[in-house]
Amino acid sequence: MSLFGDGLDAAVQKAFTRPAPKSAPAQMRYLVKQLKSTKAVAQMLRISQRTVERYVKDQIKKPRPELAARLEHEVKKRWQPQIRAKARQRAATTGGIVVDTRARIGYTAPIGSTDEDRIRHLTVALPPQYAARLFEAQEQGATEQYLREIAAEGLKEVYFQDGGRRAGQLEEVRFTDIEHLEFDL
């Protein structure tokens, strides 16, 4: 489970215009329609083709918890792709992204002065270029650490340096021990 990746996905999902299918049979029918075969869905979910067919016909209604989680994840990953793309595009070009976090944050300045890391609760609106970098890195399969570095760089510019108006010689912002992280577009 990726804290940053899941957070970015949740932010984009807030833009959905219709709710994703809730019941297991409806989710299974949606996946079969998307992938165009019960065999492809069965391979993706690591279950038998016959089981998929039984869900589609409403013969099975309640999946095991691990299958339910995989099913929900795959449906949400494919749900409303155009709306998802528009939300990402809007955040990357005009809107930016809001980061709400409670984490251990500190910095280092060139003359050796440091602000010891401490737990801070920040809600910061990052400019569109950081939203674009975060979404692009996520699409390319970047690691959690790399996404964290992009967010830390954004916090450095917006929160600590106030867009270049202060702390111009700040070298590094440390962003660790994340207790809470939420993104909003």
Foldseek 3Di string as FASTA:
>chain_A
DFQLLVQLLVQLVVQDPDDFDDWQLSLLVVVCVVVVALCVVCVQLVHDSVVSVCSVVVVDTDDDPVSSVSSVVVRSVPPPPVSSVVVLVCCQPPNAKKKWWWFFKWFAFDVGDIDGTDTDTDIFGFHNNLSNVLVVCVVVPHDSVVSVQSVQVRCCCCPVCVNVVDPVRIDGMDTDDIPDIHMHD
